[in-house]
C-alpha cells in the first residue's frame, strides 16, 4: 500500500506538516516495496483550491492512505472518491507516523474543516 504524508522538509526526520494543502512537500512510502520519495507540492502557492490540488496529487501518485493532522472538506471529497483512506497523523516525524500506522495506532480522521483559504497562520 502506498502512503502519503504532508511534510515540512525533504528528510526522513521531517515533522508532519500542520497544513495538508499548503504543506511544502509530500512523502510517499510503499509498504510492500519499502520504497519512498518526496514530491514538491505544486499547490502550496495556489490562490485558492490548494487542498483540492494537493488531494489530486496524492491520488495521481497512487497513494491509498493519507496520514494528516487535518484536511478540508473539498480535499476529503476528492480523496474519498478515489478510495484514499484518511488517517489522523500524530504530532511527530515521518518515521513515528509510519510506525504508528504499521502498529494500527492511528485513527481515521473524522473532522473535516470547510477550508482555511490562506488563514491558517
PDB file of N, CA and C in Angstrom:
ATOM      1  N   UNK A   1       0.852  -1.169   0.000  1.00  0.00           N
ATOM      2  CA  UNK A   1       0.000   0.000   0.000  1.00  0.00           C
ATOM      3  C   UNK A   1       0.900   1.236   0.000  1.00  0.00           C
ATOM      4  N   UNK A   2       0.532   2.208  -0.791  1.00  0.00           N
ATOM      5  CA  UNK A   2       1.278   3.454  -0.830  1.00  0.00           C
ATOM      6  C   UNK A   2       0.628   4.463   0.111  1.00  0.00           C
ATOM      7  N   UNK A   3       1.462   5.055   0.981  1.00  0.00           N
ATOM      8  CA  UNK A   3       1.022   6.025   1.982  1.00  0.00           C
ATOM      9  C   UNK A   3       1.577   7.395   1.631  1.00  0.00           C
ATOM     10  N   UNK A   4       0.786   8.443   1.837  1.00  0.00           N
ATOM     11  CA  UNK A   4       1.236   9.820   1.641  1.00  0.00           C
ATOM     12  C   UNK A   4       1.154  10.572   2.963  1.00  0.00           C
ATOM     13  N   UNK A   5       2.150  11.450   3.186  1.00  0.00           N
ATOM     14  CA  UNK A   5       2.184  12.271   4.395  1.00  0.00           C
ATOM     15  C   UNK A   5       2.623  13.674   4.003  1.00  0.00           C
ATOM     16  N   UNK A   6       1.875  14.721   4.386  1.00  0.00           N
ATOM     17  CA  UNK A   6       2.346  16.093   4.142  1.00  0.00           C
ATOM     18  C   UNK A   6       3.478  16.410   5.126  1.00  0.00           C
ATOM     19  N   UNK A   7       4.605  16.928   4.610  1.00  0.00           N
ATOM     20  CA  UNK A   7       5.767  17.154   5.468  1.00  0.00           C
ATOM     21  C   UNK A   7       6.375  18.530   5.225  1.00  0.00           C
ATOM     22  N   UNK A   8       7.169  18.961   6.202  1.00  0.00           N
ATOM     23  CA  UNK A   8       7.800  20.281   6.146  1.00  0.00           C
ATOM     24  C   UNK A   8       9.127  20.292   5.402  1.00  0.00           C
ATOM     25  N   UNK A   9       9.842  19.169   5.403  1.00  0.00           N
ATOM     26  CA  UNK A   9      11.174  19.096   4.794  1.00  0.00           C
ATOM     27  C   UNK A   9      11.351  17.788   4.046  1.00  0.00           C
ATOM     28  N   UNK A  10      12.335  17.775   3.134  1.00  0.00           N
ATOM     29  CA  UNK A  10      12.678  16.554   2.409  1.00  0.00           C
ATOM     30  C   UNK A  10      13.712  15.773   3.215  1.00  0.00           C
ATOM     31  N   UNK A  11      13.279  15.260   4.344  1.00  0.00           N
ATOM     32  CA  UNK A  11      14.142  14.498   5.239  1.00  0.00           C
ATOM     33  C   UNK A  11      13.282  13.485   5.982  1.00  0.00           C
ATOM     34  N   UNK A  12      13.825  12.308   6.207  1.00  0.00           N
ATOM     35  CA  UNK A  12      13.069  11.295   6.948  1.00  0.00           C
ATOM     36  C   UNK A  12      12.821  11.711   8.392  1.00  0.00           C
ATOM     37  N   UNK A  13      13.575  12.692   8.864  1.00  0.00           N
ATOM     38  CA  UNK A  13      13.371  13.225  10.212  1.00  0.00           C
ATOM     39  C   UNK A  13      12.386  14.392  10.224  1.00  0.00           C
ATOM     40  N   UNK A  14      11.805  14.696   9.091  1.00  0.00           N
ATOM     41  CA  UNK A  14      10.888  15.820   8.992  1.00  0.00           C
ATOM     42  C   UNK A  14       9.652  15.615   9.849  1.00  0.00           C
ATOM     43  N   UNK A  15       9.147  16.732  10.343  1.00  0.00           N
ATOM     44  CA  UNK A  15       7.858  16.722  11.041  1.00  0.00           C
ATOM     45  C   UNK A  15       6.735  16.654  10.016  1.00  0.00           C
ATOM     46  N   UNK A  16       5.617  16.103  10.442  1.00  0.00           N
ATOM     47  CA  UNK A  16       4.415  16.129   9.627  1.00  0.00           C
ATOM     48  C   UNK A  16       3.933  17.578   9.596  1.00  0.00           C
ATOM     49  N   UNK A  17       3.607  18.068   8.424  1.00  0.00           N
ATOM     50  CA  UNK A  17       3.153  19.444   8.280  1.00  0.00           C
ATOM     51  C   UNK A  17       1.773  19.610   8.904  1.00  0.00           C
ATOM     52  N   UNK A  18       1.544  20.750   9.523  1.00  0.00           N
ATOM     53  CA  UNK A  18       0.240  21.036  10.127  1.00  0.00           C
ATOM     54  C   UNK A  18      -0.802  21.415   9.079  1.00  0.00           C
ATOM     55  N   UNK A  19      -0.357  21.675   7.861  1.00  0.00           N
ATOM     56  CA  UNK A  19      -1.268  22.004   6.767  1.00  0.00           C
ATOM     57  C   UNK A  19      -1.196  20.904   5.725  1.00  0.00           C
ATOM     58  N   UNK A  20      -2.332  20.457   5.245  1.00  0.00           N
ATOM     59  CA  UNK A  20      -2.329  19.460   4.173  1.00  0.00           C
ATOM     60  C   UNK A  20      -2.121  20.131   2.819  1.00  0.00           C
ATOM     61  N   UNK A  21      -3.027  21.002   2.435  1.00  0.00           N
ATOM     62  CA  UNK A  21      -2.995  21.600   1.103  1.00  0.00           C
ATOM     63  C   UNK A  21      -1.805  22.498   0.847  1.00  0.00           C
ATOM     64  N   UNK A  22      -1.274  23.087   1.897  1.00  0.00           N
ATOM     65  CA  UNK A  22      -0.150  24.010   1.735  1.00  0.00           C
ATOM     66  C   UNK A  22       1.153  23.477   2.341  1.00  0.00           C
ATOM     67  N   UNK A  23       1.209  22.173   2.559  1.00  0.00           N
ATOM     68  CA  UNK A  23       2.472  21.553   3.002  1.00  0.00           C
ATOM     69  C   UNK A  23       3.499  21.742   1.893  1.00  0.00           C
ATOM     70  N   UNK A  24       4.738  22.010   2.234  1.00  0.00           N
ATOM     71  CA  UNK A  24       5.750  22.193   1.190  1.00  0.00           C
ATOM     72  C   UNK A  24       6.003  20.934   0.355  1.00  0.00           C
ATOM     73  N   UNK A  25       5.895  19.769   0.995  1.00  0.00           N
ATOM     74  CA  UNK A  25       6.213  18.510   0.319  1.00  0.00           C
ATOM     75  C   UNK A  25       5.259  17.412   0.764  1.00  0.00           C
ATOM     76  N   UNK A  26       5.227  16.364  -0.048  1.00  0.00           N
ATOM     77  CA  UNK A  26       4.542  15.140   0.330  1.00  0.00           C
ATOM     78  C   UNK A  26       5.565  14.017   0.317  1.00  0.00           C
ATOM     79  N   UNK A  27       5.498  13.180   1.341  1.00  0.00           N
ATOM     80  CA  UNK A  27       6.340  11.994   1.435  1.00  0.00           C
ATOM     81  C   UNK A  27       5.472  10.808   1.052  1.00  0.00           C
ATOM     82  N   UNK A  28       5.985   9.953   0.172  1.00  0.00           N
ATOM     83  CA  UNK A  28       5.282   8.743  -0.235  1.00  0.00           C
ATOM     84  C   UNK A  28       6.108   7.530   0.188  1.00  0.00           C
ATOM     85  N   UNK A  29       5.407   6.540   0.736  1.00  0.00           N
ATOM     86  CA  UNK A  29       6.071   5.316   1.182  1.00  0.00           C
ATOM     87  C   UNK A  29       5.230   4.123   0.757  1.00  0.00           C
ATOM     88  N   UNK A  30       5.867   3.151   0.119  1.00  0.00           N
ATOM     89  CA  UNK A  30       5.190   1.928  -0.298  1.00  0.00           C
ATOM     90  C   UNK A  30       5.492   0.843   0.735  1.00  0.00           C
ATOM     91  N   UNK A  31       4.463   0.373   1.415  1.00  0.00           N
ATOM     92  CA  UNK A  31       4.655  -0.607   2.492  1.00  0.00           C
ATOM     93  C   UNK A  31       5.113  -1.965   1.960  1.00  0.00           C
ATOM     94  N   UNK A  32       4.866  -2.241   0.700  1.00  0.00           N
ATOM     95  CA  UNK A  32       5.253  -3.540   0.137  1.00  0.00           C
ATOM     96  C   UNK A  32       6.698  -3.546  -0.342  1.00  0.00           C
ATOM     97  N   UNK A  33       7.112  -2.500  -1.051  1.00  0.00           N
ATOM     98  CA  UNK A  33       8.468  -2.445  -1.607  1.00  0.00           C
ATOM     99  C   UNK A  33       9.436  -1.691  -0.696  1.00  0.00           C
ATOM    100  N   UNK A  34       8.900  -0.961   0.285  1.00  0.00           N
ATOM    101  CA  UNK A  34       9.658  -0.098   1.193  1.00  0.00           C
ATOM    102  C   UNK A  34      10.361   1.047   0.469  1.00  0.00           C
ATOM    103  N   UNK A  35       9.921   1.353  -0.751  1.00  0.00           N
ATOM    104  CA  UNK A  35      10.456   2.498  -1.488  1.00  0.00           C
ATOM    105  C   UNK A  35       9.769   3.766  -1.011  1.00  0.00           C
ATOM    106  N   UNK A  36      10.530   4.862  -1.022  1.00  0.00           N
ATOM    107  CA  UNK A  36       9.966   6.137  -0.596  1.00  0.00           C
ATOM    108  C   UNK A  36      10.495   7.249  -1.486  1.00  0.00           C
ATOM    109  N   UNK A  37       9.748   8.330  -1.544  1.00  0.00           N
ATOM    110  CA  UNK A  37      10.201   9.517  -2.256  1.00  0.00           C
ATOM    111  C   UNK A  37       9.433  10.736  -1.774  1.00  0.00           C
ATOM    112  N   UNK A  38       9.966  11.890  -2.139  1.00  0.00           N
ATOM    113  CA  UNK A  38       9.339  13.163  -1.794  1.00  0.00           C
ATOM    114  C   UNK A  38       8.839  13.822  -3.065  1.00  0.00           C
ATOM    115  N   UNK A  39       7.744  14.546  -2.945  1.00  0.00           N
ATOM    116  CA  UNK A  39       7.165  15.287  -4.054  1.00  0.00           C
ATOM    117  C   UNK A  39       6.960  16.726  -3.610  1.00  0.00           C
ATOM    118  N   UNK A  40       7.449  17.660  -4.412  1.00  0.00           N
ATOM    119  CA  UNK A  40       7.163  19.068  -4.141  1.00  0.00           C
ATOM    120  C   UNK A  40       5.667  19.287  -4.324  1.00  0.00           C
ATOM    121  N   UNK A  41       5.044  20.006  -3.414  1.00  0.00           N
ATOM    122  CA  UNK A  41       3.614  20.280  -3.502  1.00  0.00           C
ATOM    123  C   UNK A  41       3.403  21.490  -4.405  1.00  0.00           C
ATOM    124  N   UNK A  42       2.945  21.253  -5.606  1.00  0.00           N
ATOM    125  CA  UNK A  42       2.694  22.326  -6.560  1.00  0.00           C
ATOM    126  C   UNK A  42       1.541  23.225  -6.158  1.00  0.00           C
ATOM    127  N   UNK A  43       0.737  22.812  -5.206  1.00  0.00           N
ATOM    128  CA  UNK A  43      -0.433  23.594  -4.780  1.00  0.00           C
ATOM    129  C   UNK A  43      -0.100  24.595  -3.686  1.00  0.00           C
ATOM    130  N   UNK A  44       1.124  24.546  -3.172  1.00  0.00           N
ATOM    131  CA  UNK A  44       1.472  25.352  -1.999  1.00  0.00           C
ATOM    132  C   UNK A  44       1.262  26.850  -2.221  1.00  0.00           C
ATOM    133  N   UNK A  45       1.465  27.347  -3.436  1.00  0.00           N
ATOM    134  CA  UNK A  45       1.336  28.779  -3.701  1.00  0.00           C
ATOM    135  C   UNK A  45       0.025  29.144  -4.396  1.00  0.00           C
ATOM    136  N   UNK A  46      -0.901  28.224  -4.463  1.00  0.00           N
ATOM    137  CA  UNK A  46      -2.180  28.473  -5.136  1.00  0.00           C
ATOM    138  C   UNK A  46      -2.973  29.566  -4.430  1.00  0.00           C
ATOM    139  N   UNK A  47      -3.637  30.391  -5.219  1.00  0.00           N
ATOM    140  CA  UNK A  47      -4.508  31.419  -4.658  1.00  0.00           C
ATOM    141  C   UNK A  47      -5.699  30.797  -3.944  1.00  0.00           C
ATOM    142  N   UNK A  48      -6.191  29.721  -4.466  1.00  0.00           N
ATOM    143  CA  UNK A  48      -7.328  29.022  -3.868  1.00  0.00           C
ATOM    144  C   UNK A  48      -7.338  27.587  -4.348  1.00  0.00           C
ATOM    145  N   UNK A  49      -8.057  26.749  -3.644  1.00  0.00           N
ATOM    146  CA  UNK A  49      -8.177  25.348  -4.050  1.00  0.00           C
ATOM    147  C   UNK A  49      -6.935  24.513  -3.820  1.00  0.00           C
ATOM    148  N   UNK A  50      -6.060  24.962  -2.901  1.00  0.00           N
ATOM    149  CA  UNK A  50      -4.821  24.221  -2.645  1.00  0.00           C
ATOM    150  C   UNK A  50      -5.110  22.801  -2.169  1.00  0.00           C
ATOM    151  N   UNK A  51      -6.110  22.641  -1.317  1.00  0.00           N
ATOM    152  CA  UNK A  51      -6.437  21.311  -0.811  1.00  0.00           C
ATOM    153  C   UNK A  51      -6.879  20.365  -1.903  1.00  0.00           C
ATOM    154  N   UNK A  52      -7.698  20.865  -2.813  1.00  0.00           N
ATOM    155  CA  UNK A  52      -8.171  20.033  -3.925  1.00  0.00           C
ATOM    156  C   UNK A  52      -7.003  19.628  -4.815  1.00  0.00           C
ATOM    157  N   UNK A  53      -6.128  20.587  -5.135  1.00  0.00           N
ATOM    158  CA  UNK A  53      -4.965  20.291  -5.977  1.00  0.00           C
ATOM    159  C   UNK A  53      -4.020  19.325  -5.284  1.00  0.00           C
ATOM    160  N   UNK A  54      -3.809  19.510  -3.996  1.00  0.00           N
ATOM    161  CA  UNK A  54      -2.946  18.615  -3.238  1.00  0.00           C
ATOM    162  C   UNK A  54      -3.550  17.209  -3.194  1.00  0.00           C
ATOM    163  N   UNK A  55      -4.852  17.130  -2.976  1.00  0.00           N
ATOM    164  CA  UNK A  55      -5.530  15.830  -2.941  1.00  0.00           C
ATOM    165  C   UNK A  55      -5.384  15.111  -4.281  1.00  0.00           C
ATOM    166  N   UNK A  56      -5.505  15.857  -5.369  1.00  0.00           N
ATOM    167  CA  UNK A  56      -5.368  15.249  -6.691  1.00  0.00           C
ATOM    168  C   UNK A  56      -3.944  14.728  -6.893  1.00  0.00           C
ATOM    169  N   UNK A  57      -2.948  15.435  -6.365  1.00  0.00           N
ATOM    170  CA  UNK A  57      -1.557  14.968  -6.460  1.00  0.00           C
ATOM    171  C   UNK A  57      -1.378  13.656  -5.696  1.00  0.00           C
ATOM    172  N   UNK A  58      -2.037  13.544  -4.548  1.00  0.00           N
ATOM    173  CA  UNK A  58      -1.977  12.312  -3.754  1.00  0.00           C
ATOM    174  C   UNK A  58      -2.571  11.155  -4.566  1.00  0.00           C
ATOM    175  N   UNK A  59      -3.725  11.400  -5.172  1.00  0.00           N
ATOM    176  CA  UNK A  59      -4.393  10.384  -5.992  1.00  0.00           C
ATOM    177  C   UNK A  59      -3.536  10.029  -7.206  1.00  0.00           C
ATOM    178  N   UNK A  60      -3.024  11.041  -7.898  1.00  0.00           N
ATOM    179  CA  UNK A  60      -2.236  10.816  -9.117  1.00  0.00           C
ATOM    180  C   UNK A  60      -0.961  10.023  -8.846  1.00  0.00           C
ATOM    181  N   UNK A  61      -0.455  10.097  -7.618  1.00  0.00           N
ATOM    182  CA  UNK A  61       0.759   9.370  -7.262  1.00  0.00           C
ATOM    183  C   UNK A  61       0.466   8.002  -6.658  1.00  0.00           C
ATOM    184  N   UNK A  62      -0.787   7.581  -6.698  1.00  0.00           N
ATOM    185  CA  UNK A  62      -1.153   6.216  -6.349  1.00  0.00           C
ATOM    186  C   UNK A  62      -1.289   5.894  -4.875  1.00  0.00           C
ATOM    187  N   UNK A  63      -1.348   6.913  -4.015  1.00  0.00           N
ATOM    188  CA  UNK A  63      -1.499   6.642  -2.583  1.00  0.00           C
ATOM    189  C   UNK A  63      -2.895   6.098  -2.289  1.00  0.00           C
ATOM    190  N   UNK A  64      -2.973   5.177  -1.351  1.00  0.00           N
ATOM    191  CA  UNK A  64      -4.247   4.625  -0.899  1.00  0.00           C
ATOM    192  C   UNK A  64      -4.534   4.990   0.543  1.00  0.00           C
ATOM    193  N   UNK A  65      -3.559   5.660   1.196  1.00  0.00           N
ATOM    194  CA  UNK A  65      -3.749   6.139   2.566  1.00  0.00           C
ATOM    195  C   UNK A  65      -3.048   7.488   2.692  1.00  0.00           C
ATOM    196  N   UNK A  66      -3.676   8.381   3.432  1.00  0.00           N
ATOM    197  CA  UNK A  66      -3.104   9.688   3.744  1.00  0.00           C
ATOM    198  C   UNK A  66      -3.049   9.809   5.257  1.00  0.00           C
ATOM    199  N   UNK A  67      -1.878  10.206   5.778  1.00  0.00           N
ATOM    200  CA  UNK A  67      -1.725  10.470   7.204  1.00  0.00           C
ATOM    201  C   UNK A  67      -1.563  11.983   7.338  1.00  0.00           C
ATOM    202  N   UNK A  68      -2.539  12.660   7.939  1.00  0.00           N
ATOM    203  CA  UNK A  68      -2.505  14.122   8.032  1.00  0.00           C
ATOM    204  C   UNK A  68      -3.190  14.574   9.312  1.00  0.00           C
ATOM    205  N   UNK A  69      -2.765  15.724   9.862  1.00  0.00           N
ATOM    206  CA  UNK A  69      -3.384  16.205  11.100  1.00  0.00           C
ATOM    207  C   UNK A  69      -4.780  16.777  10.883  1.00  0.00           C
ATOM    208  N   UNK A  70      -5.019  17.296   9.688  1.00  0.00           N
ATOM    209  CA  UNK A  70      -6.327  17.854   9.351  1.00  0.00           C
ATOM    210  C   UNK A  70      -6.450  17.915   7.838  1.00  0.00           C
ATOM    211  N   UNK A  71      -7.683  18.127   7.393  1.00  0.00           N
ATOM    212  CA  UNK A  71      -7.946  18.121   5.958  1.00  0.00           C
ATOM    213  C   UNK A  71      -9.256  18.863   5.714  1.00  0.00           C
ATOM    214  N   UNK A  72      -9.306  19.602   4.643  1.00  0.00           N
ATOM    215  CA  UNK A  72     -10.526  20.311   4.285  1.00  0.00           C
ATOM    216  C   UNK A  72     -11.549  19.404   3.624  1.00  0.00           C
ATOM    217  N   UNK A  73     -12.790  19.827   3.670  1.00  0.00           N
ATOM    218  CA  UNK A  73     -13.887  19.037   3.116  1.00  0.00           C
ATOM    219  C   UNK A  73     -13.788  18.791   1.624  1.00  0.00           C
ATOM    220  N   UNK A  74     -13.337  19.782   0.865  1.00  0.00           N
ATOM    221  CA  UNK A  74     -13.220  19.592  -0.582  1.00  0.00           C
ATOM    222  C   UNK A  74     -12.130  18.589  -0.923  1.00  0.00           C
ATOM    223  N   UNK A  75     -11.003  18.669  -0.219  1.00  0.00           N
ATOM    224  CA  UNK A  75      -9.924  17.701  -0.426  1.00  0.00           C
ATOM    225  C   UNK A  75     -10.393  16.310  -0.018  1.00  0.00           C
ATOM    226  N   UNK A  76     -11.107  16.242   1.096  1.00  0.00           N
ATOM    227  CA  UNK A  76     -11.616  14.959   1.576  1.00  0.00           C
ATOM    228  C   UNK A  76     -12.506  14.301   0.526  1.00  0.00           C
ATOM    229  N   UNK A  77     -13.318  15.093  -0.146  1.00  0.00           N
ATOM    230  CA  UNK A  77     -14.208  14.554  -1.178  1.00  0.00           C
ATOM    231  C   UNK A  77     -13.405  13.951  -2.332  1.00  0.00           C
ATOM    232  N   UNK A  78     -12.373  14.650  -2.787  1.00  0.00           N
ATOM    233  CA  UNK A  78     -11.516  14.142  -3.863  1.00  0.00           C
ATOM    234  C   UNK A  78     -10.854  12.829  -3.441  1.00  0.00           C
ATOM    235  N   UNK A  79     -10.332  12.800  -2.227  1.00  0.00           N
ATOM    236  CA  UNK A  79      -9.650  11.604  -1.734  1.00  0.00           C
ATOM    237  C   UNK A  79     -10.612  10.433  -1.565  1.00  0.00           C
ATOM    238  N   UNK A  80     -11.758  10.657  -0.995  1.00  0.00           N
ATOM    239  CA  UNK A  80     -12.735   9.578  -0.778  1.00  0.00           C
ATOM    240  C   UNK A  80     -13.229   8.993  -2.106  1.00  0.00           C
ATOM    241  N   UNK A  81     -13.450   9.881  -3.095  1.00  0.00           N
ATOM    242  CA  UNK A  81     -13.899   9.388  -4.408  1.00  0.00           C
ATOM    243  C   UNK A  81     -12.874   8.443  -5.026  1.00  0.00           C
ATOM    244  N   UNK A  82     -11.620   8.647  -4.688  1.00  0.00           N
ATOM    245  CA  UNK A  82     -10.546   7.792  -5.208  1.00  0.00           C
ATOM    246  C   UNK A  82     -10.154   6.694  -4.234  1.00  0.00           C
ATOM    247  N   UNK A  83     -10.975   6.510  -3.197  1.00  0.00           N
ATOM    248  CA  UNK A  83     -10.795   5.452  -2.207  1.00  0.00           C
ATOM    249  C   UNK A  83      -9.479   5.553  -1.442  1.00  0.00           C
ATOM    250  N   UNK A  84      -9.063   6.797  -1.168  1.00  0.00           N
ATOM    251  CA  UNK A  84      -7.908   7.033  -0.302  1.00  0.00           C
ATOM    252  C   UNK A  84      -8.437   7.148   1.122  1.00  0.00           C
ATOM    253  N   UNK A  85      -7.916   6.334   2.025  1.00  0.00           N
ATOM    254  CA  UNK A  85      -8.344   6.345   3.421  1.00  0.00           C
ATOM    255  C   UNK A  85      -7.516   7.398   4.155  1.00  0.00           C
ATOM    256  N   UNK A  86      -8.180   8.245   4.933  1.00  0.00           N
ATOM    257  CA  UNK A  86      -7.517   9.361   5.607  1.00  0.00           C
ATOM    258  C   UNK A  86      -7.415   9.069   7.105  1.00  0.00           C
ATOM    259  N   UNK A  87      -6.171   9.013   7.584  1.00  0.00           N
ATOM    260  CA  UNK A  87      -5.886   8.770   8.997  1.00  0.00           C
ATOM    261  C   UNK A  87      -5.380  10.055   9.639  1.00  0.00           C
ATOM    262  N   UNK A  88      -5.700  10.242  10.905  1.00  0.00           N
ATOM    263  CA  UNK A  88      -5.199  11.397  11.640  1.00  0.00           C
ATOM    264  C   UNK A  88      -3.771  11.105  12.087  1.00  0.00           C
ATOM    265  N   UNK A  89      -2.851  11.925  11.626  1.00  0.00           N
ATOM    266  CA  UNK A  89      -1.452  11.738  11.999  1.00  0.00           C
ATOM    267  C   UNK A  89      -1.221  12.156  13.442  1.00  0.00           C
ATOM    268  N   UNK A  90      -0.103  11.710  13.969  1.00  0.00           N
ATOM    269  CA  UNK A  90       0.323  12.094  15.311  1.00  0.00           C
ATOM    270  C   UNK A  90       1.309  13.254  15.192  1.00  0.00           C
ATOM    271  N   UNK A  91       1.403  14.101  16.209  1.00  0.00           N
ATOM    272  CA  UNK A  91       2.477  15.097  16.186  1.00  0.00           C
ATOM    273  C   UNK A  91       3.800  14.334  16.198  1.00  0.00           C
ATOM    274  N   UNK A  92       4.702  14.694  15.319  1.00  0.00           N
ATOM    275  CA  UNK A  92       5.978  13.989  15.283  1.00  0.00           C
ATOM    276  C   UNK A  92       6.515  13.866  13.879  1.00  0.00           C
ATOM    277  N   UNK A  93       7.406  12.910  13.716  1.00  0.00           N
ATOM    278  CA  UNK A  93       8.138  12.747  12.465  1.00  0.00           C
ATOM    279  C   UNK A  93       7.456  11.759  11.515  1.00  0.00           C
ATOM    280  N   UNK A  94       8.014  11.705  10.325  1.00  0.00           N
ATOM    281  CA  UNK A  94       7.564  10.723   9.336  1.00  0.00           C
ATOM    282  C   UNK A  94       7.666   9.322   9.932  1.00  0.00           C
ATOM    283  N   UNK A  95       8.840   8.989  10.462  1.00  0.00           N
ATOM    284  CA  UNK A  95       9.063   7.636  10.994  1.00  0.00           C
ATOM    285  C   UNK A  95       8.095   7.297  12.115  1.00  0.00           C
ATOM    286  N   UNK A  96       7.869   8.228  13.021  1.00  0.00           N
ATOM    287  CA  UNK A  96       6.937   7.973  14.123  1.00  0.00           C
ATOM    288  C   UNK A  96       5.537   7.669  13.601  1.00  0.00           C
ATOM    289  N   UNK A  97       5.132   8.360  12.551  1.00  0.00           N
ATOM    290  CA  UNK A  97       3.803   8.128  11.985  1.00  0.00           C
ATOM    291  C   UNK A  97       3.743   6.835  11.184  1.00  0.00           C
ATOM    292  N   UNK A  98       4.805   6.501  10.469  1.00  0.00           N
ATOM    293  CA  UNK A  98       4.827   5.217   9.763  1.00  0.00           C
ATOM    294  C   UNK A  98       4.780   4.058  10.758  1.00  0.00           C
ATOM    295  N   UNK A  99       5.520   4.188  11.852  1.00  0.00           N
ATOM    296  CA  UNK A  99       5.496   3.146  12.887  1.00  0.00           C
ATOM    297  C   UNK A  99       4.094   3.023  13.504  1.00  0.00           C
ATOM    298  N   UNK A 100       3.451   4.155  13.774  1.00  0.00           N
ATOM    299  CA  UNK A 100       2.100   4.141  14.352  1.00  0.00           C
ATOM    300  C   UNK A 100       1.100   3.532  13.367  1.00  0.00           C
ATOM    301  N   UNK A 101       1.269   3.831  12.084  1.00  0.00           N
ATOM    302  CA  UNK A 101       0.397   3.248  11.065  1.00  0.00           C
ATOM    303  C   UNK A 101       0.569   1.733  11.023  1.00  0.00           C
ATOM    304  N   UNK A 102       1.821   1.284  11.000  1.00  0.00           N
ATOM    305  CA  UNK A 102       2.105  -0.156  10.943  1.00  0.00           C
ATOM    306  C   UNK A 102       1.550  -0.884  12.164  1.00  0.00           C
ATOM    307  N   UNK A 103       1.561  -0.214  13.317  1.00  0.00           N
ATOM    308  CA  UNK A 103       1.047  -0.816  14.555  1.00  0.00           C
ATOM    309  C   UNK A 103      -0.460  -0.607  14.722  1.00  0.00           C
ATOM    310  N   UNK A 104      -1.093  -0.030  13.714  1.00  0.00           N
ATOM    311  CA  UNK A 104      -2.541   0.235  13.715  1.00  0.00           C
ATOM    312  C   UNK A 104      -2.967   1.115  14.889  1.00  0.00           C
ATOM    313  N   UNK A 105      -2.137   2.121  15.210  1.00  0.00           N
ATOM    314  CA  UNK A 105      -2.448   3.040  16.308  1.00  0.00           C
ATOM    315  C   UNK A 105      -3.061   4.359  15.824  1.00  0.00           C
ATOM    316  N   UNK A 106      -3.197   4.532  14.529  1.00  0.00           N
ATOM    317  CA  UNK A 106      -3.797   5.766  14.017  1.00  0.00           C
ATOM    318  C   UNK A 106      -5.296   5.578  13.837  1.00  0.00           C
ATOM    319  N   UNK A 107      -6.041   6.628  14.110  1.00  0.00           N
ATOM    320  CA  UNK A 107      -7.495   6.584  13.927  1.00  0.00           C
ATOM    321  C   UNK A 107      -7.851   7.288  12.624  1.00  0.00           C
ATOM    322  N   UNK A 108      -9.018   6.963  12.119  1.00  0.00           N
ATOM    323  CA  UNK A 108      -9.495   7.641  10.917  1.00  0.00           C
ATOM    324  C   UNK A 108      -9.790   9.102  11.246  1.00  0.00           C
ATOM    325  N   UNK A 109      -9.424   9.982  10.341  1.00  0.00           N
ATOM    326  CA  UNK A 109      -9.730  11.401  10.516  1.00  0.00           C
ATOM    327  C   UNK A 109     -11.231  11.576  10.304  1.00  0.00           C
ATOM    328  N   UNK A 110     -11.869  12.253  11.228  1.00  0.00           N
ATOM    329  CA  UNK A 110     -13.327  12.377  11.142  1.00  0.00           C
ATOM    330  C   UNK A 110     -13.805  13.822  11.115  1.00  0.00           C
ATOM    331  N   UNK A 111     -12.927  14.763  11.387  1.00  0.00           N
ATOM    332  CA  UNK A 111     -13.319  16.171  11.435  1.00  0.00           C
ATOM    333  C   UNK A 111     -12.697  16.901  10.252  1.00  0.00           C
ATOM    334  N   UNK A 112     -13.516  17.279   9.293  1.00  0.00           N
ATOM    335  CA  UNK A 112     -13.033  17.957   8.087  1.00  0.00           C
ATOM    336  C   UNK A 112     -13.527  19.397   8.096  1.00  0.00           C
ATOM    337  N   UNK A 113     -12.582  20.328   7.998  1.00  0.00           N
ATOM    338  CA  UNK A 113     -12.943  21.750   8.049  1.00  0.00           C
ATOM    339  C   UNK A 113     -13.371  22.236   6.669  1.00  0.00           C
ATOM    340  N   UNK A 114     -14.072  23.371   6.603  1.00  0.00           N
ATOM    341  CA  UNK A 114     -14.575  23.864   5.328  1.00  0.00           C
ATOM    342  C   UNK A 114     -13.501  24.448   4.428  1.00  0.00           C
ATOM    343  N   UNK A 115     -12.288  24.621   4.906  1.00  0.00           N
ATOM    344  CA  UNK A 115     -11.209  25.224   4.119  1.00  0.00           C
ATOM    345  C   UNK A 115     -10.680  26.429   4.856  1.00  0.00           C
ATOM    346  N   UNK A 116      -9.381  26.605   4.791  1.00  0.00           N
ATOM    347  CA  UNK A 116      -8.768  27.696   5.544  1.00  0.00           C
ATOM    348  C   UNK A 116      -8.498  28.921   4.689  1.00  0.00           C
ATOM    349  N   UNK A 117      -8.387  28.712   3.401  1.00  0.00           N
ATOM    350  CA  UNK A 117      -8.264  29.817   2.454  1.00  0.00           C
ATOM    351  C   UNK A 117      -7.185  30.822   2.827  1.00  0.00           C
ATOM    352  N   UNK A 118      -6.002  30.323   3.164  1.00  0.00           N
ATOM    353  CA  UNK A 118      -4.873  31.182   3.434  1.00  0.00           C
ATOM    354  C   UNK A 118      -4.842  31.794   4.813  1.00  0.00           C
ATOM    355  N   UNK A 119      -5.744  31.398   5.703  1.00  0.00           N
ATOM    356  CA  UNK A 119      -5.813  31.994   7.028  1.00  0.00           C
ATOM    357  C   UNK A 119      -5.339  31.066   8.127  1.00  0.00           C
ATOM    358  N   UNK A 120      -4.526  30.053   7.766  1.00  0.00           N
ATOM    359  CA  UNK A 120      -4.154  29.063   8.776  1.00  0.00           C
ATOM    360  C   UNK A 120      -3.052  29.530   9.707  1.00  0.00           C
ATOM    361  N   UNK A 121      -2.446  30.633   9.495  1.00  0.00           N
ATOM    362  CA  UNK A 121      -1.339  31.077  10.350  1.00  0.00           C
ATOM    363  C   UNK A 121      -1.810  31.947  11.475  1.00  0.00           C
TER     364      UNK A 121
END
